[in-house]
Amino acid sequence: MDAPPATYLGIMRNVSRTNSKNAKQTGPAQSEAAQKKAKLLESLQLPRDVCMGALRVTLTGSTEAWVENYRGLLEYSEQSILLQGKTCQVRFEGTGLTIDYYTNEDMKISGCIQNVRYL
């Protein structure tokens, strides 16, 4: 898939800024704003994980996981790794879990991954 034109990205930045100004809204107004943003993303055919900051988890068998768009590391042990996403948390459970690589945007987890739970 080709990269979206820069004008679409500019539109999404403006939508994000507009929504961040209204971030304290609750109830129907917040729901309506989220629905409008989702419809805009759908009409532009842009990936949701990129535009909305959704957590993206890619598993390679049961021994490796790549995590993108995480916000922070909440817990870390050989049996459990808990990460904070924008809208949820994800917990990796298993044995011998290690974080092989990480940046502010992505992370590689290795070990025997037995369970992935979204909280």
Protein backbone atom coordinates (compact mmCIF):
# COMPACT_ATOMS: atom_id res chain seq x y z
CA MET A 1 0.00 0.00 0.00
CA ASP A 2 1.36 3.43 -0.92
CA ALA A 3 1.96 6.01 1.78
CA PRO A 4 -0.90 8.48 2.19
CA PRO A 5 -0.39 11.90 0.61
CA ALA A 6 0.98 14.60 2.89
CA THR A 7 -2.33 16.51 2.71
CA TYR A 8 -4.12 13.62 4.44
CA LEU A 9 -1.50 13.60 7.19
CA GLY A 10 -1.98 17.34 7.61
CA ILE A 11 -5.72 16.79 7.97
CA MET A 12 -5.14 14.12 10.61
CA ARG A 13 -2.81 16.41 12.56
CA ASN A 14 -5.53 19.07 12.58
CA VAL A 15 -8.14 16.53 13.68
CA SER A 16 -5.82 15.37 16.47
CA ARG A 17 -5.26 18.96 17.62
CA THR A 18 -8.98 19.66 17.56
CA ASN A 19 -9.72 16.52 19.54
CA SER A 20 -6.97 17.24 22.06
CA LYS A 21 -8.58 20.63 22.77
CA ASN A 22 -11.83 18.82 23.51
CA ALA A 23 -10.19 15.97 25.43
CA LYS A 24 -12.03 16.79 28.67
CA GLN A 25 -15.43 16.23 27.09
CA THR A 26 -17.45 13.37 28.48
CA GLY A 27 -20.63 11.59 27.57
CA PRO A 28 -22.36 11.97 24.20
CA ALA A 29 -20.10 14.81 22.97
CA GLN A 30 -16.99 12.68 23.45
CA SER A 31 -18.63 9.71 21.74
CA GLU A 32 -19.74 11.88 18.83
CA ALA A 33 -16.23 13.28 18.35
CA ALA A 34 -14.75 9.77 18.35
CA GLN A 35 -17.31 8.62 15.80
CA LYS A 36 -16.55 11.56 13.52
CA LYS A 37 -12.82 10.83 13.68
CA ALA A 38 -13.42 7.14 12.95
CA LYS A 39 -15.59 8.01 9.92
CA LEU A 40 -12.93 10.38 8.62
CA LEU A 41 -10.23 7.71 8.97
CA GLU A 42 -12.42 5.19 7.20
CA SER A 43 -13.15 7.56 4.32
CA LEU A 44 -9.45 8.38 3.88
CA GLN A 45 -8.53 4.68 4.14
CA LEU A 46 -5.68 5.40 6.55
CA PRO A 47 -4.49 2.74 9.01
CA ARG A 48 -6.14 3.17 12.42
CA ASP A 49 -3.03 2.23 14.39
CA VAL A 50 -1.06 5.09 12.83
CA CYS A 51 -3.73 7.79 13.04
CA MET A 52 -5.33 6.98 16.37
CA GLY A 53 -2.24 5.77 18.22
CA ALA A 54 -3.64 2.27 18.69
CA LEU A 55 -1.38 -0.35 20.22
CA ARG A 56 -0.04 -2.77 17.60
CA VAL A 57 1.20 -6.22 18.67
CA THR A 58 2.86 -8.59 16.20
CA LEU A 59 3.59 -12.13 17.41
CA THR A 60 6.09 -14.47 15.79
CA GLY A 61 5.11 -17.88 17.09
CA SER A 62 5.18 -18.01 20.86
CA THR A 63 8.74 -16.76 21.28
CA GLU A 64 8.76 -13.19 20.01
CA ALA A 65 6.51 -10.12 20.10
CA TRP A 66 6.93 -6.67 18.55
CA VAL A 67 4.90 -3.91 20.19
CA GLU A 68 4.38 -0.51 18.55
CA ASN A 69 2.71 2.67 19.81
CA TYR A 70 3.03 1.81 23.50
CA ARG A 71 3.07 4.66 26.03
CA GLY A 72 5.06 3.14 28.87
CA LEU A 73 6.33 0.11 30.74
CA LEU A 74 4.33 -0.51 33.93
CA GLU A 75 5.69 -3.89 35.13
CA TYR A 76 8.61 -6.05 34.11
CA SER A 77 9.64 -9.51 35.35
CA GLU A 78 10.64 -12.81 33.76
CA GLN A 79 7.02 -13.99 34.08
CA SER A 80 5.08 -10.83 33.15
CA ILE A 81 5.46 -7.59 31.18
CA LEU A 82 2.72 -4.96 31.44
CA LEU A 83 2.62 -2.11 28.91
CA GLN A 84 0.42 0.98 28.77
CA GLY A 85 -1.16 1.89 25.43
CA LYS A 86 -3.16 4.98 24.59
CA THR A 87 -6.52 3.38 25.37
CA CYS A 88 -5.65 0.08 27.05
CA GLN A 89 -2.99 -1.98 28.75
CA VAL A 90 -1.51 -5.23 27.46
CA ARG A 91 0.11 -7.93 29.59
CA PHE A 92 2.47 -10.59 28.25
CA GLU A 93 2.74 -13.67 30.46
CA GLY A 94 5.15 -16.56 30.14
CA THR A 95 8.59 -17.73 31.19
CA GLY A 96 11.99 -16.19 30.57
CA LEU A 97 10.52 -12.97 29.19
CA THR A 98 13.06 -10.32 28.25
CA ILE A 99 12.94 -6.97 26.50
CA ASP A 100 15.56 -7.28 23.77
CA TYR A 101 15.06 -3.86 22.22
CA TYR A 102 13.04 -0.74 22.91
CA THR A 103 12.64 2.88 21.82
CA ASN A 104 9.95 5.45 22.61
CA GLU A 105 7.79 3.92 19.85
CA ASP A 106 8.43 0.18 19.68
CA MET A 107 9.70 -2.79 21.65
CA LYS A 108 10.75 -6.41 21.07
CA ILE A 109 9.87 -8.99 23.72
CA SER A 110 11.40 -12.49 23.66
CA GLY A 111 10.87 -15.63 25.72
CA CYS A 112 8.20 -18.29 25.99
CA ILE A 113 5.02 -16.21 25.60
CA GLN A 114 2.07 -18.17 26.94
CA ASN A 115 -0.60 -15.49 27.18
CA VAL A 116 -1.34 -11.98 25.86
CA ARG A 117 -4.13 -10.11 27.65
CA TYR A 118 -5.64 -6.75 26.87
CA LEU A 119 -6.83 -4.95 30.00
